[in-house]
Structures are given as structure tokens and as C-alpha cells.
PDB file of all heavy atoms in Angstrom:
ATOM      1  N   PHE A   1       6.678  21.830  19.739  1.00  0.00           N
ATOM      2  CA  PHE A   1       7.684  22.887  19.899  1.00  0.00           C
ATOM      3  C   PHE A   1       7.144  24.272  19.552  1.00  0.00           C
ATOM      4  O   PHE A   1       7.870  25.123  19.032  1.00  0.00           O
ATOM      5  CB  PHE A   1       8.920  22.611  19.047  1.00  0.00           C
ATOM      6  CG  PHE A   1       9.373  21.191  19.028  1.00  0.00           C
ATOM      7  CD1 PHE A   1       9.476  20.488  17.840  1.00  0.00           C
ATOM      8  CD2 PHE A   1       9.682  20.524  20.205  1.00  0.00           C
ATOM      9  CE1 PHE A   1       9.912  19.169  17.812  1.00  0.00           C
ATOM     10  CE2 PHE A   1      10.102  19.205  20.186  1.00  0.00           C
ATOM     11  CZ  PHE A   1      10.215  18.527  18.991  1.00  0.00           C
ATOM     12  N   ARG A   2       5.865  24.521  19.823  1.00  0.00           N
ATOM     13  CA  ARG A   2       5.276  25.815  19.511  1.00  0.00           C
ATOM     14  C   ARG A   2       4.581  26.380  20.738  1.00  0.00           C
ATOM     15  O   ARG A   2       3.805  25.680  21.413  1.00  0.00           O
ATOM     16  CB  ARG A   2       4.274  25.704  18.358  1.00  0.00           C
ATOM     17  CG  ARG A   2       4.889  25.248  17.052  1.00  0.00           C
ATOM     18  CD  ARG A   2       3.872  25.268  15.935  1.00  0.00           C
ATOM     19  NE  ARG A   2       3.423  26.621  15.623  1.00  0.00           N
ATOM     20  CZ  ARG A   2       2.541  26.917  14.664  1.00  0.00           C
ATOM     21  NH1 ARG A   2       2.049  25.936  13.922  1.00  0.00           N
ATOM     22  NH2 ARG A   2       2.169  28.163  14.439  1.00  0.00           N
ATOM     23  N   THR A   3       4.843  27.638  21.025  1.00  0.00           N
ATOM     24  CA  THR A   3       4.216  28.301  22.159  1.00  0.00           C
ATOM     25  C   THR A   3       2.704  28.325  21.992  1.00  0.00           C
ATOM     26  O   THR A   3       2.190  28.672  20.919  1.00  0.00           O
ATOM     27  CB  THR A   3       4.743  29.740  22.301  1.00  0.00           C
ATOM     28  OG1 THR A   3       6.168  29.715  22.436  1.00  0.00           O
ATOM     29  CG2 THR A   3       4.140  30.431  23.508  1.00  0.00           C
ATOM     30  N   GLY A   4       1.987  27.948  23.040  1.00  0.00           N
ATOM     31  CA  GLY A   4       0.538  27.956  22.988  1.00  0.00           C
ATOM     32  C   GLY A   4      -0.080  26.686  22.452  1.00  0.00           C
ATOM     33  O   GLY A   4      -1.310  26.579  22.390  1.00  0.00           O
ATOM     34  N   ARG A   5       0.768  25.731  22.048  1.00  0.00           N
ATOM     35  CA  ARG A   5       0.255  24.463  21.547  1.00  0.00           C
ATOM     36  C   ARG A   5       0.832  23.326  22.392  1.00  0.00           C
ATOM     37  O   ARG A   5       1.896  23.457  22.971  1.00  0.00           O
ATOM     38  CB  ARG A   5       0.603  24.251  20.076  1.00  0.00           C
ATOM     39  CG  ARG A   5      -0.067  25.260  19.159  1.00  0.00           C
ATOM     40  CD  ARG A   5       0.022  24.848  17.709  1.00  0.00           C
ATOM     41  NE  ARG A   5      -0.772  25.693  16.840  1.00  0.00           N
ATOM     42  CZ  ARG A   5      -1.056  25.434  15.575  1.00  0.00           C
ATOM     43  NH1 ARG A   5      -0.602  24.316  15.007  1.00  0.00           N
ATOM     44  NH2 ARG A   5      -1.797  26.256  14.858  1.00  0.00           N
ATOM     45  N   SER A   6       0.114  22.221  22.446  1.00  0.00           N
ATOM     46  CA  SER A   6       0.538  21.106  23.278  1.00  0.00           C
ATOM     47  C   SER A   6       0.152  19.795  22.626  1.00  0.00           C
ATOM     48  O   SER A   6      -0.656  19.755  21.687  1.00  0.00           O
ATOM     49  CB  SER A   6      -0.113  21.195  24.664  1.00  0.00           C
ATOM     50  OG  SER A   6      -1.522  20.969  24.570  1.00  0.00           O
ATOM     51  N   CYS A   7       0.730  18.709  23.140  1.00  0.00           N
ATOM     52  CA  CYS A   7       0.365  17.387  22.633  1.00  0.00           C
ATOM     53  C   CYS A   7      -1.085  17.050  22.969  1.00  0.00           C
ATOM     54  O   CYS A   7      -1.734  16.279  22.261  1.00  0.00           O
ATOM     55  CB  CYS A   7       1.306  16.324  23.191  1.00  0.00           C
ATOM     56  SG  CYS A   7       1.305  16.160  24.981  1.00  0.00           S
ATOM     57  N   ILE A   8      -1.604  17.640  24.053  1.00  0.00           N
ATOM     58  CA  ILE A   8      -3.008  17.422  24.417  1.00  0.00           C
ATOM     59  C   ILE A   8      -3.923  18.024  23.359  1.00  0.00           C
ATOM     60  O   ILE A   8      -4.879  17.390  22.899  1.00  0.00           O
ATOM     61  CB  ILE A   8      -3.309  18.020  25.803  1.00  0.00           C
ATOM     62  CG1 ILE A   8      -2.408  17.395  26.868  1.00  0.00           C
ATOM     63  CG2 ILE A   8      -4.782  17.822  26.170  1.00  0.00           C
ATOM     64  CD1 ILE A   8      -2.515  18.067  28.230  1.00  0.00           C
ATOM     65  N   ALA A   9      -3.630  19.269  22.967  1.00  0.00           N
ATOM     66  CA  ALA A   9      -4.442  19.927  21.942  1.00  0.00           C
ATOM     67  C   ALA A   9      -4.322  19.221  20.601  1.00  0.00           C
ATOM     68  O   ALA A   9      -5.304  19.106  19.859  1.00  0.00           O
ATOM     69  CB  ALA A   9      -4.019  21.388  21.819  1.00  0.00           C
ATOM     70  N   ALA A  10      -3.118  18.743  20.278  1.00  0.00           N
ATOM     71  CA  ALA A  10      -2.926  18.001  19.027  1.00  0.00           C
ATOM     72  C   ALA A  10      -3.750  16.728  19.026  1.00  0.00           C
ATOM     73  O   ALA A  10      -4.409  16.382  18.031  1.00  0.00           O
ATOM     74  CB  ALA A  10      -1.449  17.688  18.821  1.00  0.00           C
ATOM     75  N   ALA A  11      -3.737  16.004  20.152  1.00  0.00           N
ATOM     76  CA  ALA A  11      -4.508  14.761  20.251  1.00  0.00           C
ATOM     77  C   ALA A  11      -6.004  15.028  20.148  1.00  0.00           C
ATOM     78  O   ALA A  11      -6.745  14.250  19.540  1.00  0.00           O
ATOM     79  CB  ALA A  11      -4.171  14.053  21.555  1.00  0.00           C
ATOM     80  N   ALA A  12      -6.471  16.142  20.737  1.00  0.00           N
ATOM     81  CA  ALA A  12      -7.899  16.459  20.755  1.00  0.00           C
ATOM     82  C   ALA A  12      -8.473  16.638  19.353  1.00  0.00           C
ATOM     83  O   ALA A  12      -9.671  16.439  19.143  1.00  0.00           O
ATOM     84  CB  ALA A  12      -8.140  17.711  21.589  1.00  0.00           C
ATOM     85  N   ARG A  13      -7.641  16.997  18.378  1.00  0.00           N
ATOM     86  CA  ARG A  13      -8.120  17.181  17.009  1.00  0.00           C
ATOM     87  C   ARG A  13      -8.523  15.871  16.354  1.00  0.00           C
ATOM     88  O   ARG A  13      -9.122  15.877  15.276  1.00  0.00           O
ATOM     89  CB  ARG A  13      -7.042  17.879  16.182  1.00  0.00           C
ATOM     90  CG  ARG A  13      -6.753  19.305  16.647  1.00  0.00           C
ATOM     91  CD  ARG A  13      -5.644  19.931  15.839  1.00  0.00           C
ATOM     92  NE  ARG A  13      -5.994  20.146  14.448  1.00  0.00           N
ATOM     93  CZ  ARG A  13      -6.610  21.203  13.980  1.00  0.00           C
ATOM     94  NH1 ARG A  13      -6.968  22.170  14.807  1.00  0.00           N
ATOM     95  NH2 ARG A  13      -6.893  21.317  12.683  1.00  0.00           N
ATOM     96  N   HIS A  14      -8.186  14.756  16.981  1.00  0.00           N
ATOM     97  CA  HIS A  14      -8.495  13.444  16.413  1.00  0.00           C
ATOM     98  C   HIS A  14      -9.498  12.654  17.262  1.00  0.00           C
ATOM     99  O   HIS A  14      -9.693  11.456  17.037  1.00  0.00           O
ATOM    100  CB  HIS A  14      -7.210  12.638  16.246  1.00  0.00           C
ATOM    101  CG  HIS A  14      -6.174  13.310  15.405  1.00  0.00           C
ATOM    102  ND1 HIS A  14      -6.240  13.348  14.039  1.00  0.00           N
ATOM    103  CD2 HIS A  14      -5.054  14.003  15.751  1.00  0.00           C
ATOM    104  CE1 HIS A  14      -5.196  14.032  13.571  1.00  0.00           C
ATOM    105  NE2 HIS A  14      -4.460  14.433  14.597  1.00  0.00           N
ATOM    106  N   GLY A  15     -10.122  13.311  18.222  1.00  0.00           N
ATOM    107  CA  GLY A  15     -11.043  12.619  19.113  1.00  0.00           C
ATOM    108  C   GLY A  15     -12.351  12.229  18.441  1.00  0.00           C
ATOM    109  O   GLY A  15     -12.919  12.986  17.646  1.00  0.00           O
ATOM    110  N   GLY A  16     -12.841  11.024  18.761  1.00  0.00           N
ATOM    111  CA  GLY A  16     -14.134  10.571  18.291  1.00  0.00           C
ATOM    112  C   GLY A  16     -14.221  10.234  16.814  1.00  0.00           C
ATOM    113  O   GLY A  16     -15.325  10.144  16.263  1.00  0.00           O
ATOM    114  N   GLU A  17     -13.098  10.026  16.136  1.00  0.00           N
ATOM    115  CA  GLU A  17     -13.109   9.712  14.709  1.00  0.00           C
ATOM    116  C   GLU A  17     -13.238   8.202  14.493  1.00  0.00           C
ATOM    117  O   GLU A  17     -12.921   7.392  15.360  1.00  0.00           O
ATOM    118  CB  GLU A  17     -11.838  10.219  14.041  1.00  0.00           C
ATOM    119  CG  GLU A  17     -11.706  11.735  14.021  1.00  0.00           C
ATOM    120  CD  GLU A  17     -12.651  12.393  13.027  1.00  0.00           C
ATOM    121  OE1 GLU A  17     -13.362  11.659  12.290  1.00  0.00           O
ATOM    122  OE2 GLU A  17     -12.683  13.626  12.970  1.00  0.00           O
ATOM    123  N   GLU A  18     -13.661   7.844  13.286  1.00  0.00           N
ATOM    124  CA  GLU A  18     -13.876   6.439  12.955  1.00  0.00           C
ATOM    125  C   GLU A  18     -12.565   5.662  12.933  1.00  0.00           C
ATOM    126  O   GLU A  18     -12.507   4.506  13.372  1.00  0.00           O
ATOM    127  CB  GLU A  18     -14.594   6.330  11.604  1.00  0.00           C
ATOM    128  CG  GLU A  18     -15.001   4.920  11.224  1.00  0.00           C
ATOM    129  CD  GLU A  18     -15.830   4.888   9.960  1.00  0.00           C
ATOM    130  OE1 GLU A  18     -16.580   5.844   9.713  1.00  0.00           O
ATOM    131  OE2 GLU A  18     -15.725   3.893   9.210  1.00  0.00           O
ATOM    132  N   ILE A  19     -11.519   6.287  12.419  1.00  0.00           N
ATOM    133  CA  ILE A  19     -10.232   5.606  12.331  1.00  0.00           C
ATOM    134  C   ILE A  19      -9.109   6.615  12.540  1.00  0.00           C
ATOM    135  O   ILE A  19      -9.232   7.794  12.176  1.00  0.00           O
ATOM    136  CB  ILE A  19     -10.080   4.887  10.971  1.00  0.00           C
ATOM    137  CG1 ILE A  19      -8.941   3.875  11.023  1.00  0.00           C
ATOM    138  CG2 ILE A  19      -9.869   5.886   9.829  1.00  0.00           C
ATOM    139  CD1 ILE A  19      -8.927   2.940   9.825  1.00  0.00           C
ATOM    140  N   VAL A  20      -8.035   6.180  13.162  1.00  0.00           N
ATOM    141  CA  VAL A  20      -6.838   6.986  13.365  1.00  0.00           C
ATOM    142  C   VAL A  20      -5.660   6.244  12.738  1.00  0.00           C
ATOM    143  O   VAL A  20      -5.440   5.069  13.032  1.00  0.00           O
ATOM    144  CB  VAL A  20      -6.568   7.249  14.861  1.00  0.00           C
ATOM    145  CG1 VAL A  20      -5.229   7.976  15.044  1.00  0.00           C
ATOM    146  CG2 VAL A  20      -7.699   8.069  15.474  1.00  0.00           C
ATOM    147  N   VAL A  21      -4.899   6.941  11.882  1.00  0.00           N
ATOM    148  CA  VAL A  21      -3.741   6.357  11.205  1.00  0.00           C
ATOM    149  C   VAL A  21      -2.518   7.179  11.580  1.00  0.00           C
ATOM    150  O   VAL A  21      -2.517   8.405  11.415  1.00  0.00           O
ATOM    151  CB  VAL A  21      -3.921   6.345   9.676  1.00  0.00           C
ATOM    152  CG1 VAL A  21      -2.741   5.625   9.015  1.00  0.00           C
ATOM    153  CG2 VAL A  21      -5.239   5.681   9.290  1.00  0.00           C
ATOM    154  N   GLY A  22      -1.490   6.516  12.085  1.00  0.00           N
ATOM    155  CA  GLY A  22      -0.289   7.214  12.522  1.00  0.00           C
ATOM    156  C   GLY A  22       0.965   6.701  11.838  1.00  0.00           C
ATOM    157  O   GLY A  22       1.096   5.511  11.551  1.00  0.00           O
ATOM    158  N   PHE A  23       1.901   7.611  11.584  1.00  0.00           N
ATOM    159  CA  PHE A  23       3.205   7.290  11.009  1.00  0.00           C
ATOM    160  C   PHE A  23       4.275   7.971  11.860  1.00  0.00           C
ATOM    161  O   PHE A  23       4.013   8.976  12.524  1.00  0.00           O
ATOM    162  CB  PHE A  23       3.322   7.774   9.563  1.00  0.00           C
ATOM    163  CG  PHE A  23       2.262   7.246   8.641  1.00  0.00           C
ATOM    164  CD1 PHE A  23       1.037   7.917   8.506  1.00  0.00           C
ATOM    165  CD2 PHE A  23       2.475   6.104   7.899  1.00  0.00           C
ATOM    166  CE1 PHE A  23       0.055   7.441   7.653  1.00  0.00           C
ATOM    167  CE2 PHE A  23       1.501   5.620   7.040  1.00  0.00           C
ATOM    168  CZ  PHE A  23       0.287   6.289   6.923  1.00  0.00           C
ATOM    169  N   ASP A  24       5.484   7.446  11.811  1.00  0.00           N
ATOM    170  CA  ASP A  24       6.588   7.991  12.596  1.00  0.00           C
ATOM    171  C   ASP A  24       7.781   8.261  11.683  1.00  0.00           C
ATOM    172  O   ASP A  24       8.190   7.387  10.918  1.00  0.00           O
ATOM    173  CB  ASP A  24       6.991   7.010  13.706  1.00  0.00           C
ATOM    174  CG  ASP A  24       8.043   7.587  14.630  1.00  0.00           C
ATOM    175  OD1 ASP A  24       7.674   8.320  15.563  1.00  0.00           O
ATOM    176  OD2 ASP A  24       9.242   7.303  14.427  1.00  0.00           O
ATOM    177  N   LEU A  25       8.318   9.487  11.756  1.00  0.00           N
ATOM    178  CA  LEU A  25       9.508   9.839  10.994  1.00  0.00           C
ATOM    179  C   LEU A  25      10.740   9.298  11.693  1.00  0.00           C
ATOM    180  O   LEU A  25      10.928   9.521  12.899  1.00  0.00           O
ATOM    181  CB  LEU A  25       9.625  11.352  10.836  1.00  0.00           C
ATOM    182  CG  LEU A  25       8.504  12.057  10.070  1.00  0.00           C
ATOM    183  CD1 LEU A  25       8.701  13.570  10.108  1.00  0.00           C
ATOM    184  CD2 LEU A  25       8.424  11.572   8.633  1.00  0.00           C
ATOM    185  N   ALA A  26      11.581   8.590  10.973  1.00  0.00           N
ATOM    186  CA  ALA A  26      12.794   8.009  11.545  1.00  0.00           C
ATOM    187  C   ALA A  26      13.903   9.047  11.620  1.00  0.00           C
ATOM    188  O   ALA A  26      14.067   9.863  10.699  1.00  0.00           O
ATOM    189  CB  ALA A  26      13.254   6.817  10.713  1.00  0.00           C
ATOM    190  N   ASP A  27      14.636   9.055  12.721  1.00  0.00           N
ATOM    191  CA  ASP A  27      15.819   9.911  12.883  1.00  0.00           C
ATOM    192  C   ASP A  27      15.505  11.362  12.542  1.00  0.00           C
ATOM    193  O   ASP A  27      16.189  12.010  11.738  1.00  0.00           O
ATOM    194  CB  ASP A  27      16.967   9.400  12.001  1.00  0.00           C
ATOM    195  CG  ASP A  27      17.276   7.929  12.248  1.00  0.00           C
ATOM    196  OD1 ASP A  27      17.178   7.492  13.399  1.00  0.00           O
ATOM    197  OD2 ASP A  27      17.599   7.209  11.277  1.00  0.00           O
ATOM    198  N   PHE A  28      14.482  11.898  13.173  1.00  0.00           N
ATOM    199  CA  PHE A  28      13.948  13.208  12.802  1.00  0.00           C
ATOM    200  C   PHE A  28      14.989  14.314  12.887  1.00  0.00           C
ATOM    201  O   PHE A  28      15.224  15.030  11.916  1.00  0.00           O
ATOM    202  CB  PHE A  28      12.737  13.536  13.682  1.00  0.00           C
ATOM    203  CG  PHE A  28      12.018  14.800  13.301  1.00  0.00           C
ATOM    204  CD1 PHE A  28      11.651  15.051  11.989  1.00  0.00           C
ATOM    205  CD2 PHE A  28      11.699  15.749  14.269  1.00  0.00           C
ATOM    206  CE1 PHE A  28      10.975  16.216  11.639  1.00  0.00           C
ATOM    207  CE2 PHE A  28      11.022  16.904  13.936  1.00  0.00           C
ATOM    208  CZ  PHE A  28      10.662  17.136  12.627  1.00  0.00           C
ATOM    209  N   PHE A  29      15.666  14.450  14.016  1.00  0.00           N
ATOM    210  CA  PHE A  29      16.659  15.511  14.164  1.00  0.00           C
ATOM    211  C   PHE A  29      17.962  15.201  13.425  1.00  0.00           C
ATOM    212  O   PHE A  29      18.408  15.988  12.591  1.00  0.00           O
ATOM    213  CB  PHE A  29      16.924  15.786  15.646  1.00  0.00           C
ATOM    214  CG  PHE A  29      15.824  16.571  16.315  1.00  0.00           C
ATOM    215  CD1 PHE A  29      14.906  15.938  17.127  1.00  0.00           C
ATOM    216  CD2 PHE A  29      15.708  17.926  16.130  1.00  0.00           C
ATOM    217  CE1 PHE A  29      13.892  16.643  17.740  1.00  0.00           C
ATOM    218  CE2 PHE A  29      14.695  18.650  16.738  1.00  0.00           C
ATOM    219  CZ  PHE A  29      13.776  17.999  17.542  1.00  0.00           C
ATOM    220  N   PRO A  30      18.611  14.078  13.708  1.00  0.00           N
ATOM    221  CA  PRO A  30      19.886  13.819  13.011  1.00  0.00           C
ATOM    222  C   PRO A  30      19.736  13.664  11.510  1.00  0.00           C
ATOM    223  O   PRO A  30      20.706  13.860  10.771  1.00  0.00           O
ATOM    224  CB  PRO A  30      20.387  12.526  13.658  1.00  0.00           C
ATOM    225  CG  PRO A  30      19.192  11.888  14.264  1.00  0.00           C
ATOM    226  CD  PRO A  30      18.306  13.019  14.689  1.00  0.00           C
ATOM    227  N   GLY A  31      18.542  13.311  11.031  1.00  0.00           N
ATOM    228  CA  GLY A  31      18.331  13.153   9.601  1.00  0.00           C
ATOM    229  C   GLY A  31      18.247  14.461   8.833  1.00  0.00           C
ATOM    230  O   GLY A  31      18.221  14.458   7.602  1.00  0.00           O
ATOM    231  N   ILE A  32      18.211  15.598   9.538  1.00  0.00           N
ATOM    232  CA  ILE A  32      18.183  16.911   8.888  1.00  0.00           C
ATOM    233  C   ILE A  32      19.617  17.402   8.777  1.00  0.00           C
ATOM    234  O   ILE A  32      20.241  17.791   9.760  1.00  0.00           O
ATOM    235  CB  ILE A  32      17.303  17.894   9.678  1.00  0.00           C
ATOM    236  CG1 ILE A  32      15.858  17.368   9.718  1.00  0.00           C
ATOM    237  CG2 ILE A  32      17.349  19.286   9.048  1.00  0.00           C
ATOM    238  CD1 ILE A  32      14.934  18.190  10.592  1.00  0.00           C
ATOM    239  N   ALA A  33      20.143  17.389   7.573  1.00  0.00           N
ATOM    240  CA  ALA A  33      21.559  17.661   7.339  1.00  0.00           C
ATOM    241  C   ALA A  33      21.863  19.152   7.286  1.00  0.00           C
ATOM    242  O   ALA A  33      20.969  19.990   7.149  1.00  0.00           O
ATOM    243  CB  ALA A  33      22.011  16.992   6.035  1.00  0.00           C
ATOM    244  N   PHE A  34      23.157  19.457   7.364  1.00  0.00           N
ATOM    245  CA  PHE A  34      23.634  20.835   7.292  1.00  0.00           C
ATOM    246  C   PHE A  34      23.127  21.541   6.042  1.00  0.00           C
ATOM    247  O   PHE A  34      22.734  22.708   6.097  1.00  0.00           O
ATOM    248  CB  PHE A  34      25.166  20.844   7.324  1.00  0.00           C
ATOM    249  CG  PHE A  34      25.776  22.194   7.052  1.00  0.00           C
ATOM    250  CD1 PHE A  34      26.012  23.086   8.084  1.00  0.00           C
ATOM    251  CD2 PHE A  34      26.115  22.572   5.755  1.00  0.00           C
ATOM    252  CE1 PHE A  34      26.575  24.332   7.836  1.00  0.00           C
ATOM    253  CE2 PHE A  34      26.689  23.816   5.506  1.00  0.00           C
ATOM    254  CZ  PHE A  34      26.914  24.689   6.542  1.00  0.00           C
ATOM    255  N   SER A  35      23.152  20.852   4.899  1.00  0.00           N
ATOM    256  CA  SER A  35      22.736  21.474   3.647  1.00  0.00           C
ATOM    257  C   SER A  35      21.302  21.978   3.706  1.00  0.00           C
ATOM    258  O   SER A  35      20.984  23.041   3.165  1.00  0.00           O
ATOM    259  CB  SER A  35      22.901  20.485   2.485  1.00  0.00           C
ATOM    260  OG  SER A  35      22.149  19.302   2.711  1.00  0.00           O
ATOM    261  N   ARG A  36      20.430  21.216   4.395  1.00  0.00           N
ATOM    262  CA  ARG A  36      19.037  21.644   4.512  1.00  0.00           C
ATOM    263  C   ARG A  36      18.931  22.848   5.453  1.00  0.00           C
ATOM    264  O   ARG A  36      18.153  23.770   5.189  1.00  0.00           O
ATOM    265  CB  ARG A  36      18.167  20.497   5.012  1.00  0.00           C
ATOM    266  CG  ARG A  36      16.694  20.891   5.126  1.00  0.00           C
ATOM    267  CD  ARG A  36      15.812  19.724   5.477  1.00  0.00           C
ATOM    268  NE  ARG A  36      15.714  18.756   4.399  1.00  0.00           N
ATOM    269  CZ  ARG A  36      14.807  17.789   4.346  1.00  0.00           C
ATOM    270  NH1 ARG A  36      13.917  17.660   5.299  1.00  0.00           N
ATOM    271  NH2 ARG A  36      14.777  16.964   3.330  1.00  0.00           N
ATOM    272  N   VAL A  37      19.698  22.847   6.530  1.00  0.00           N
ATOM    273  CA  VAL A  37      19.684  23.984   7.452  1.00  0.00           C
ATOM    274  C   VAL A  37      20.186  25.238   6.745  1.00  0.00           C
ATOM    275  O   VAL A  37      19.619  26.326   6.885  1.00  0.00           O
ATOM    276  CB  VAL A  37      20.535  23.681   8.701  1.00  0.00           C
ATOM    277  CG1 VAL A  37      20.508  24.865   9.664  1.00  0.00           C
ATOM    278  CG2 VAL A  37      20.030  22.423   9.405  1.00  0.00           C
ATOM    279  N   HIS A  38      21.261  25.088   5.962  1.00  0.00           N
ATOM    280  CA  HIS A  38      21.791  26.209   5.187  1.00  0.00           C
ATOM    281  C   HIS A  38      20.726  26.742   4.226  1.00  0.00           C
ATOM    282  O   HIS A  38      20.536  27.963   4.107  1.00  0.00           O
ATOM    283  CB  HIS A  38      23.035  25.752   4.422  1.00  0.00           C
ATOM    284  CG  HIS A  38      23.632  26.812   3.537  1.00  0.00           C
ATOM    285  ND1 HIS A  38      23.300  26.952   2.203  1.00  0.00           N
ATOM    286  CD2 HIS A  38      24.529  27.787   3.805  1.00  0.00           C
ATOM    287  CE1 HIS A  38      23.982  27.955   1.685  1.00  0.00           C
ATOM    288  NE2 HIS A  38      24.733  28.475   2.634  1.00  0.00           N
TER     289      HIS A  38
END
């Protein structure tokens, strides 16, 4: 969600490495409550 950046460029930062470890945030948008936005 940033101008000038892409998922391709993000992926390229991990190319050719010995190991790749990934995690996924659950309910990313709905999990951010009004209080945090405030």
C-alpha cells in the first residue's frame, strides 16, 4: 500500500537466501479497533 513499492520489489529482497521464514497476521484489517485508530 505504498506508492513506488510493489510485492515484486518486496519479494526481491529475499532472493537467493539460505532460508525464508514467513508468518501471517490474522484478521489484519478488522483486528484494528477504533481505539487504536483514535
